[in-house]
Amino acid sequence: MINSNLLAVVESALADTASGNWQKPIVMFVCNILALLVLSRVIWYPHVGPKMPLPFPSLFNNVSVPAFLASMSAGHLLGTLMILTLGVDKYI
């Protein structure tokens, strides 16, 4: 049997997170673009493998698919840390 108090806690937690806001995706987008711009120039071998069809290839250093995936992974980690540490709901 599931305790009704547990259901009330879960329901209130889901109601708070489901409402969302528009600041979190903007912070995540900025962190991903920043990571792509910086890491595409820092990765040791960014041109090994098939090329990623990105717009403005000179701006994004014409990176390969593995370098793009690595940059996006790092961007998501950076964005998650920024959202959690900034407390986007409170300060922005």
N, C-alpha and C. Protein backbone atom coordinates (compact mmCIF):
# COMPACT_ATOMS: atom_id res chain seq x y z
N MET A 1 0.84 -1.18 0.00
CA MET A 1 0.00 0.00 0.00
C MET A 1 0.88 1.25 0.00
N ILE A 2 0.46 2.22 -0.73
CA ILE A 2 1.19 3.48 -0.80
C ILE A 2 0.57 4.45 0.18
N ASN A 3 1.42 5.05 0.97
CA ASN A 3 0.97 6.01 1.97
C ASN A 3 0.46 7.27 1.28
N SER A 4 -0.65 7.81 1.76
CA SER A 4 -1.23 9.01 1.12
C SER A 4 -0.35 10.24 1.34
N ASN A 5 0.42 10.26 2.43
CA ASN A 5 1.34 11.38 2.65
C ASN A 5 2.44 11.40 1.59
N LEU A 6 2.91 10.22 1.23
CA LEU A 6 3.93 10.12 0.19
C LEU A 6 3.39 10.61 -1.15
N LEU A 7 2.16 10.25 -1.45
CA LEU A 7 1.55 10.72 -2.70
C LEU A 7 1.40 12.24 -2.71
N ALA A 8 1.07 12.83 -1.57
CA ALA A 8 0.92 14.28 -1.50
C ALA A 8 2.25 14.98 -1.73
N VAL A 9 3.33 14.43 -1.17
CA VAL A 9 4.66 15.02 -1.36
C VAL A 9 5.08 14.92 -2.82
N VAL A 10 4.88 13.77 -3.43
CA VAL A 10 5.25 13.58 -4.83
C VAL A 10 4.42 14.49 -5.72
N GLU A 11 3.14 14.62 -5.45
CA GLU A 11 2.29 15.47 -6.27
C GLU A 11 2.70 16.94 -6.17
N SER A 12 3.04 17.41 -4.97
CA SER A 12 3.45 18.81 -4.84
C SER A 12 4.80 19.05 -5.51
N ALA A 13 5.69 18.07 -5.45
CA ALA A 13 7.00 18.23 -6.10
C ALA A 13 6.84 18.26 -7.62
N LEU A 14 5.96 17.43 -8.15
CA LEU A 14 5.75 17.43 -9.59
C LEU A 14 5.06 18.70 -10.06
N ALA A 15 4.16 19.24 -9.27
CA ALA A 15 3.47 20.46 -9.65
C ALA A 15 4.45 21.63 -9.71
N ASP A 16 5.44 21.65 -8.83
CA ASP A 16 6.42 22.74 -8.83
C ASP A 16 7.34 22.67 -10.04
N THR A 17 7.75 21.48 -10.43
CA THR A 17 8.70 21.36 -11.53
C THR A 17 8.02 21.39 -12.89
N ALA A 18 6.76 21.01 -12.96
CA ALA A 18 6.08 20.95 -14.24
C ALA A 18 5.72 22.34 -14.76
N SER A 19 5.60 23.32 -13.86
CA SER A 19 5.21 24.65 -14.32
C SER A 19 6.30 25.27 -15.19
N GLY A 20 7.55 25.17 -14.76
CA GLY A 20 8.67 25.64 -15.55
C GLY A 20 8.66 27.13 -15.79
N ASN A 21 9.66 27.59 -16.51
CA ASN A 21 9.73 28.98 -16.93
C ASN A 21 10.62 29.05 -18.16
N TRP A 22 10.81 30.22 -18.70
CA TRP A 22 11.56 30.36 -19.94
C TRP A 22 13.03 30.64 -19.72
N GLN A 23 13.48 30.89 -18.49
CA GLN A 23 14.88 31.23 -18.26
C GLN A 23 15.79 30.01 -18.36
N LYS A 24 15.33 28.86 -17.93
CA LYS A 24 16.19 27.66 -17.95
C LYS A 24 16.63 27.28 -19.36
N PRO A 25 15.73 27.21 -20.33
CA PRO A 25 16.20 26.87 -21.68
C PRO A 25 17.14 27.91 -22.27
N ILE A 26 16.95 29.18 -21.92
CA ILE A 26 17.85 30.22 -22.43
C ILE A 26 19.25 30.04 -21.85
N VAL A 27 19.34 29.75 -20.56
CA VAL A 27 20.64 29.53 -19.93
C VAL A 27 21.31 28.30 -20.54
N MET A 28 20.55 27.24 -20.77
CA MET A 28 21.10 26.02 -21.37
C MET A 28 21.57 26.29 -22.80
N PHE A 29 20.80 27.05 -23.58
CA PHE A 29 21.17 27.37 -24.95
C PHE A 29 22.46 28.18 -24.99
N VAL A 30 22.58 29.19 -24.15
CA VAL A 30 23.78 30.02 -24.11
C VAL A 30 25.00 29.20 -23.71
N CYS A 31 24.84 28.32 -22.73
CA CYS A 31 25.96 27.48 -22.30
C CYS A 31 26.39 26.52 -23.41
N ASN A 32 25.44 25.98 -24.16
CA ASN A 32 25.78 25.06 -25.26
C ASN A 32 26.50 25.79 -26.38
N ILE A 33 26.03 26.97 -26.75
CA ILE A 33 26.70 27.73 -27.81
C ILE A 33 28.09 28.16 -27.36
N LEU A 34 28.21 28.60 -26.12
CA LEU A 34 29.51 29.00 -25.58
C LEU A 34 30.48 27.81 -25.59
N ALA A 35 30.00 26.64 -25.16
CA ALA A 35 30.85 25.45 -25.17
C ALA A 35 31.26 25.07 -26.59
N LEU A 36 30.34 25.19 -27.54
CA LEU A 36 30.68 24.86 -28.93
C LEU A 36 31.70 25.83 -29.49
N LEU A 37 31.55 27.11 -29.20
CA LEU A 37 32.51 28.10 -29.70
C LEU A 37 33.90 27.91 -29.10
N VAL A 38 33.96 27.63 -27.81
CA VAL A 38 35.26 27.51 -27.13
C VAL A 38 35.89 26.14 -27.36
N LEU A 39 35.12 25.09 -27.14
CA LEU A 39 35.71 23.74 -27.20
C LEU A 39 36.04 23.29 -28.61
N SER A 40 35.39 23.87 -29.62
CA SER A 40 35.73 23.47 -30.98
C SER A 40 37.15 23.92 -31.34
N ARG A 41 37.69 24.88 -30.60
CA ARG A 41 39.06 25.33 -30.83
C ARG A 41 40.06 24.70 -29.86
N VAL A 42 39.57 24.09 -28.79
CA VAL A 42 40.45 23.55 -27.75
C VAL A 42 40.66 22.04 -27.91
N ILE A 43 39.68 21.34 -28.50
CA ILE A 43 39.81 19.89 -28.69
C ILE A 43 41.01 19.61 -29.58
N TRP A 44 41.79 18.59 -29.21
CA TRP A 44 43.05 18.31 -29.91
C TRP A 44 42.85 17.98 -31.38
N TYR A 45 41.92 17.10 -31.71
CA TYR A 45 41.69 16.69 -33.10
C TYR A 45 40.23 16.94 -33.47
N PRO A 46 39.84 18.19 -33.69
CA PRO A 46 38.43 18.47 -33.95
C PRO A 46 37.95 18.10 -35.35
N HIS A 47 38.87 17.75 -36.27
CA HIS A 47 38.49 17.50 -37.65
C HIS A 47 38.58 16.03 -38.03
N VAL A 48 38.74 15.12 -37.05
CA VAL A 48 38.83 13.70 -37.33
C VAL A 48 37.42 13.12 -37.34
N GLY A 49 37.04 12.49 -38.45
CA GLY A 49 35.70 11.91 -38.57
C GLY A 49 34.85 12.73 -39.52
N PRO A 50 33.60 12.29 -39.71
CA PRO A 50 32.72 13.01 -40.61
C PRO A 50 32.40 14.41 -40.08
N LYS A 51 32.27 15.35 -41.00
CA LYS A 51 32.03 16.74 -40.60
C LYS A 51 30.57 16.96 -40.22
N MET A 52 30.36 17.84 -39.29
CA MET A 52 29.02 18.21 -38.85
C MET A 52 28.51 19.33 -39.76
N PRO A 53 27.31 19.19 -40.34
CA PRO A 53 26.82 20.23 -41.24
C PRO A 53 26.23 21.42 -40.46
N LEU A 54 27.09 22.23 -39.90
CA LEU A 54 26.65 23.39 -39.13
C LEU A 54 26.64 24.64 -40.01
N PRO A 55 25.76 25.59 -39.69
CA PRO A 55 25.84 26.86 -40.41
C PRO A 55 27.09 27.62 -39.95
N PHE A 56 27.61 28.46 -40.79
CA PHE A 56 28.80 29.25 -40.49
C PHE A 56 29.97 28.35 -40.07
N PRO A 57 30.48 27.53 -40.98
CA PRO A 57 31.55 26.58 -40.60
C PRO A 57 32.80 27.25 -40.06
N SER A 58 33.11 28.45 -40.52
CA SER A 58 34.31 29.10 -39.99
C SER A 58 34.11 29.56 -38.55
N LEU A 59 32.90 29.93 -38.20
CA LEU A 59 32.62 30.36 -36.83
C LEU A 59 32.72 29.19 -35.85
N PHE A 60 32.21 28.03 -36.27
CA PHE A 60 32.22 26.85 -35.40
C PHE A 60 33.41 25.94 -35.68
N ASN A 61 34.41 26.39 -36.40
CA ASN A 61 35.67 25.69 -36.67
C ASN A 61 35.46 24.41 -37.48
N ASN A 62 34.32 24.29 -38.17
CA ASN A 62 34.04 23.14 -39.05
C ASN A 62 34.33 21.81 -38.34
N VAL A 63 33.73 21.61 -37.18
CA VAL A 63 34.03 20.46 -36.33
C VAL A 63 33.44 19.17 -36.89
N SER A 64 33.99 18.06 -36.44
CA SER A 64 33.47 16.75 -36.80
C SER A 64 32.34 16.37 -35.84
N VAL A 65 31.66 15.28 -36.16
CA VAL A 65 30.54 14.83 -35.34
C VAL A 65 31.00 14.48 -33.92
N PRO A 66 32.11 13.74 -33.71
CA PRO A 66 32.54 13.46 -32.33
C PRO A 66 32.88 14.73 -31.54
N ALA A 67 33.51 15.70 -32.19
CA ALA A 67 33.84 16.95 -31.49
C ALA A 67 32.58 17.73 -31.15
N PHE A 68 31.58 17.69 -32.05
CA PHE A 68 30.31 18.36 -31.78
C PHE A 68 29.60 17.72 -30.60
N LEU A 69 29.57 16.39 -30.57
CA LEU A 69 28.91 15.69 -29.45
C LEU A 69 29.63 15.95 -28.13
N ALA A 70 30.95 16.00 -28.17
CA ALA A 70 31.71 16.31 -26.95
C ALA A 70 31.42 17.73 -26.48
N SER A 71 31.34 18.66 -27.40
CA SER A 71 31.05 20.05 -27.03
C SER A 71 29.64 20.19 -26.46
N MET A 72 28.68 19.50 -27.06
CA MET A 72 27.30 19.56 -26.56
C MET A 72 27.18 18.89 -25.19
N SER A 73 27.92 17.82 -24.98
CA SER A 73 27.91 17.17 -23.66
C SER A 73 28.47 18.10 -22.60
N ALA A 74 29.59 18.73 -22.91
CA ALA A 74 30.18 19.67 -21.97
C ALA A 74 29.26 20.87 -21.76
N GLY A 75 28.60 21.31 -22.82
CA GLY A 75 27.66 22.43 -22.70
C GLY A 75 26.48 22.09 -21.82
N HIS A 76 25.98 20.87 -21.91
CA HIS A 76 24.89 20.46 -21.04
C HIS A 76 25.34 20.36 -19.59
N LEU A 77 26.54 19.86 -19.36
CA LEU A 77 27.06 19.83 -17.99
C LEU A 77 27.21 21.24 -17.43
N LEU A 78 27.77 22.13 -18.23
CA LEU A 78 27.93 23.52 -17.81
C LEU A 78 26.57 24.17 -17.58
N GLY A 79 25.62 23.94 -18.48
CA GLY A 79 24.29 24.52 -18.32
C GLY A 79 23.57 24.01 -17.09
N THR A 80 23.70 22.71 -16.81
CA THR A 80 23.07 22.15 -15.62
C THR A 80 23.67 22.76 -14.36
N LEU A 81 24.98 22.88 -14.32
CA LEU A 81 25.61 23.50 -13.16
C LEU A 81 25.21 24.97 -13.01
N MET A 82 25.11 25.68 -14.12
CA MET A 82 24.70 27.08 -14.07
C MET A 82 23.27 27.22 -13.55
N ILE A 83 22.37 26.37 -14.03
CA ILE A 83 20.98 26.44 -13.59
C ILE A 83 20.87 26.11 -12.11
N LEU A 84 21.60 25.08 -11.68
CA LEU A 84 21.51 24.68 -10.27
C LEU A 84 22.17 25.69 -9.34
N THR A 85 23.29 26.27 -9.76
CA THR A 85 23.99 27.20 -8.86
C THR A 85 23.40 28.60 -8.90
N LEU A 86 22.90 29.03 -10.05
CA LEU A 86 22.29 30.36 -10.12
C LEU A 86 20.92 30.39 -9.46
N GLY A 87 20.26 29.25 -9.38
CA GLY A 87 18.90 29.24 -8.88
C GLY A 87 18.03 30.09 -9.80
N VAL A 88 17.96 29.69 -11.05
CA VAL A 88 17.35 30.51 -12.10
C VAL A 88 15.95 30.98 -11.70
N ASP A 89 15.21 30.17 -10.99
CA ASP A 89 13.86 30.56 -10.61
C ASP A 89 13.85 31.76 -9.67
N LYS A 90 14.93 31.93 -8.90
CA LYS A 90 14.94 32.98 -7.88
C LYS A 90 15.55 34.28 -8.36
N TYR A 91 16.66 34.20 -9.12
CA TYR A 91 17.45 35.40 -9.35
C TYR A 91 17.27 36.02 -10.72
N ILE A 92 16.95 35.23 -11.72
CA ILE A 92 16.85 35.79 -13.07
C ILE A 92 15.42 36.16 -13.37
